[in-house]
Protein backbone atom coordinates (compact mmCIF):
# COMPACT_ATOMS: atom_id res chain seq x y z
CA MET A 1 -5.85 -33.41 11.41
CA ARG A 2 -8.93 -31.37 12.18
CA THR A 3 -11.35 -30.29 9.43
CA LEU A 4 -10.54 -26.68 10.26
CA ASP A 5 -6.93 -27.32 9.31
CA ARG A 6 -7.81 -28.88 5.93
CA GLU A 7 -10.35 -26.46 4.46
CA ILE A 8 -11.33 -22.89 5.24
CA THR A 9 -14.19 -21.09 3.44
CA VAL A 10 -14.69 -17.34 3.36
CA SER A 11 -17.33 -15.53 1.34
CA GLN A 12 -18.90 -12.21 0.68
CA SER A 13 -22.28 -11.98 -0.95
CA ILE A 14 -25.44 -10.03 -1.38
CA PRO A 15 -28.57 -12.18 -1.05
CA THR A 16 -30.68 -12.40 -4.23
CA PRO A 17 -33.84 -10.93 -2.57
CA LEU A 18 -31.82 -7.87 -1.56
CA ARG A 19 -30.39 -7.57 -5.09
CA VAL A 20 -33.91 -7.67 -6.59
CA LEU A 21 -35.17 -5.11 -4.02
CA LEU A 22 -32.31 -2.72 -4.77
CA ALA A 23 -32.81 -3.07 -8.54
CA CYS A 24 -36.57 -2.46 -8.30
CA LEU A 25 -36.03 0.49 -6.00
CA ALA A 26 -33.47 2.03 -8.34
CA VAL A 27 -35.63 1.58 -11.44
CA GLY A 28 -38.71 2.95 -9.62
CA LEU A 29 -36.87 5.99 -8.35
CA LEU A 30 -35.39 6.62 -11.81
CA LEU A 31 -38.91 6.61 -13.27
CA VAL A 32 -40.11 9.05 -10.60
CA LEU A 33 -37.07 11.28 -11.05
CA TRP A 34 -37.42 11.50 -14.82
CA GLY A 35 -41.23 11.72 -14.65
CA GLU A 36 -41.26 14.59 -12.15
CA LEU A 37 -38.13 16.56 -13.02
CA GLY A 38 -37.64 15.56 -16.66
CA ALA A 39 -40.31 18.01 -17.71
CA GLY A 40 -38.07 20.85 -16.47
CA LEU A 41 -35.48 19.98 -19.11
CA TRP A 42 -37.68 20.81 -22.11
CA PRO A 43 -38.51 23.40 -23.45
CA PHE A 44 -35.30 25.20 -22.63
CA SER A 45 -35.56 27.96 -20.06
CA THR A 46 -33.35 29.66 -17.49
CA LEU A 47 -34.11 26.83 -15.05
CA THR A 48 -33.06 24.02 -17.42
CA PRO A 49 -29.43 23.89 -16.14
CA PHE A 50 -30.68 23.63 -12.54
CA PHE A 51 -33.01 20.72 -13.43
CA ALA A 52 -30.28 19.12 -15.56
CA ILE A 53 -27.85 19.05 -12.62
CA ILE A 54 -30.46 17.41 -10.38
CA VAL A 55 -31.60 14.87 -13.00
CA VAL A 56 -28.06 13.91 -14.05
CA GLY A 57 -26.78 13.68 -10.48
CA GLY A 58 -29.79 11.69 -9.29
CA SER A 59 -29.61 9.42 -12.31
CA GLY A 60 -25.93 8.72 -11.63
CA VAL A 61 -26.64 7.72 -8.03
CA LEU A 62 -29.60 5.55 -8.94
CA LEU A 63 -27.78 3.88 -11.84
CA SER A 64 -24.92 3.01 -9.44
CA PHE A 65 -27.52 1.34 -7.16
CA LEU A 66 -28.75 -0.61 -10.18
CA VAL A 67 -25.26 -1.71 -11.21
CA PHE A 68 -24.43 -2.62 -7.61
CA SER A 69 -27.56 -4.74 -7.34
CA VAL A 70 -26.77 -6.64 -10.54
CA ALA A 71 -23.00 -7.01 -10.34
CA GLY A 72 -22.27 -6.66 -6.62
CA PRO A 73 -19.79 -9.02 -5.04
CA ASP A 74 -20.83 -12.63 -4.59
CA GLU A 75 -17.78 -14.83 -4.05
CA ARG A 76 -16.83 -17.88 -2.07
CA TRP A 77 -13.19 -18.83 -1.59
CA THR A 78 -12.24 -22.27 -0.20
CA PHE A 79 -8.67 -22.58 0.97
CA ARG A 80 -7.17 -26.10 0.96
CA PRO A 81 -3.54 -27.19 1.13
CA GLY A 82 -1.90 -25.89 -2.03
CA ILE A 83 -5.06 -24.78 -3.82
CA VAL A 84 -7.85 -22.17 -3.69
CA ASP A 85 -11.28 -22.86 -5.18
CA VAL A 86 -12.95 -19.58 -6.17
CA GLU A 87 -16.67 -19.52 -6.95
CA GLN A 88 -18.23 -16.33 -8.33
CA ARG A 89 -21.99 -16.10 -8.73
CA LEU A 90 -24.28 -13.80 -10.67
CA PHE A 91 -27.92 -14.66 -9.95
CA ASP A 92 -28.32 -18.29 -11.11
CA ARG A 93 -24.98 -18.41 -12.98
CA ARG A 94 -21.81 -19.76 -11.36
CA TYR A 95 -18.20 -19.52 -12.45
CA LEU A 96 -15.70 -21.79 -10.74
CA PHE A 97 -11.95 -21.80 -11.09
CA GLN A 98 -8.94 -22.97 -9.13
CA VAL A 99 -5.75 -21.15 -8.27
CA ILE A 100 -2.55 -22.98 -7.34
CA PRO A 101 -0.21 -20.27 -6.02
CA ASP A 102 3.46 -20.52 -5.08
CA ASP A 103 4.70 -19.52 -1.62
CA GLY A 104 5.88 -16.08 -2.71
CA ASP A 105 2.65 -15.27 -4.56
CA CYS A 106 0.45 -14.88 -1.44
CA GLN A 107 0.33 -12.37 1.37
CA VAL A 108 -2.08 -11.08 3.99
CA ILE A 109 -3.00 -7.39 3.50
CA LYS A 110 -4.72 -5.19 6.10
CA SER A 111 -7.61 -3.09 4.79
CA ASP A 112 -9.31 -0.38 6.79
CA THR A 113 -11.41 1.09 3.98
CA SER A 114 -14.76 -0.18 5.26
CA ASP A 115 -17.02 1.43 7.83
CA SER A 116 -17.14 -1.79 9.82
CA GLY A 117 -13.46 -1.47 10.85
CA GLU A 118 -10.31 -3.26 9.89
CA SER A 119 -10.29 -6.39 7.79
CA TRP A 120 -7.65 -8.62 6.28
CA ASN A 121 -7.53 -10.12 2.80
CA ILE A 122 -5.31 -12.74 1.23
CA VAL A 123 -3.88 -11.33 -1.99
CA ILE A 124 -2.59 -13.75 -4.62
CA GLN A 125 -0.36 -12.53 -7.44
CA LEU A 126 -0.84 -14.63 -10.59
CA ASN A 127 1.55 -15.07 -13.53
CA THR A 128 -1.26 -15.20 -16.09
CA PRO A 129 -4.83 -13.81 -16.08
CA ILE A 130 -7.67 -16.15 -15.23
CA PRO A 131 -9.52 -17.41 -18.33
CA ALA A 132 -12.88 -15.76 -19.01
CA PRO A 133 -16.05 -17.74 -18.31
CA GLU A 134 -18.01 -19.43 -21.10
CA ASP A 135 -21.33 -17.76 -20.18
CA PRO A 136 -21.70 -14.55 -22.32
CA LEU A 137 -23.68 -12.57 -19.67
CA PHE A 138 -21.23 -13.48 -16.93
CA ARG A 139 -18.32 -12.62 -19.23
CA LEU A 140 -19.87 -9.24 -20.07
CA VAL A 141 -20.39 -8.26 -16.41
CA LEU A 142 -16.93 -9.43 -15.36
CA THR A 143 -15.33 -7.64 -18.33
CA LEU A 144 -17.22 -4.39 -17.66
CA PHE A 145 -15.80 -4.30 -14.15
CA GLY A 146 -12.34 -5.51 -15.08
CA TRP A 147 -12.55 -8.55 -12.82
CA ARG A 148 -11.09 -10.94 -15.39
CA SER A 149 -8.25 -8.86 -16.74
CA ARG A 150 -6.45 -8.73 -13.40
CA THR A 151 -3.56 -10.94 -12.42
CA GLN A 152 -4.02 -10.14 -8.76
CA LEU A 153 -6.85 -11.71 -6.74
CA SER A 154 -8.03 -10.46 -3.38
CA SER A 155 -10.06 -12.77 -1.15
CA PRO A 156 -13.21 -11.74 0.68
CA ALA A 157 -12.39 -10.07 3.98
CA PHE A 158 -11.46 -11.89 7.15
CA SER A 159 -12.54 -10.31 10.45
CA CYS A 160 -9.21 -10.80 12.21
CA GLU A 161 -5.60 -11.14 11.18
CA ASP A 162 -5.16 -14.51 12.93
CA ARG A 163 -7.88 -16.11 10.80
CA ALA A 164 -6.40 -14.72 7.60
CA ARG A 165 -2.92 -15.96 8.55
CA HIS A 166 -4.36 -19.37 9.45
CA ALA A 167 -6.08 -19.62 6.05
CA LEU A 168 -2.83 -18.61 4.37
CA GLY A 169 -1.01 -21.28 6.37
CA VAL A 170 -3.54 -23.90 5.23
CA LEU A 171 -3.10 -22.77 1.63
CA LEU A 172 0.69 -22.88 1.72
CA ARG A 173 0.76 -26.30 3.43
CA GLU A 174 1.97 -29.09 1.18
CA HIS A 175 -0.63 -31.38 -0.35
CA GLY A 176 -1.51 -34.06 2.21
CA GLU A 177 1.30 -33.45 4.68
CA PRO A 178 -0.47 -33.26 8.05
CA GLY A 179 2.16 -31.46 10.09
CA SER A 180 3.78 -29.06 7.64
CA ALA A 181 3.28 -25.33 7.92
């Protein structure tokens, strides 16, 4: 049996240098925004609501950049016969867990929500939620975004349906049986 038929890895990640760049850019622009336009908020005047809309709106956008840079997706899924190894990373911290789904728990879903075109994900329905990680920082970030409370996992995107179906076939293959599908 070829290696391709025994293990398939798919990942989605944001490189750490890009995360640091986005975080620094967001913090710097927040400082500029509040430094330049924050003075228009006090003392109150007829222009205060105008400046408040700009400052609050700009702060919301820049804070979302900051959150994205810290807690953006960084996952690696490895599909093997009967088991999925999921590795989630947050800077230098790693959280590993395994999922052993049944045949009816997995399906390939088409997603066309991205600008890069269509993609396919393997969605696994779990009977119980995945246990939270031991690391308090990792647990906080995952809890804030609801990543641990779900009982449905969605893999990183595959570029074509055939690859997603092949990975699902590898996953649903019996442990160690070379010819089963």
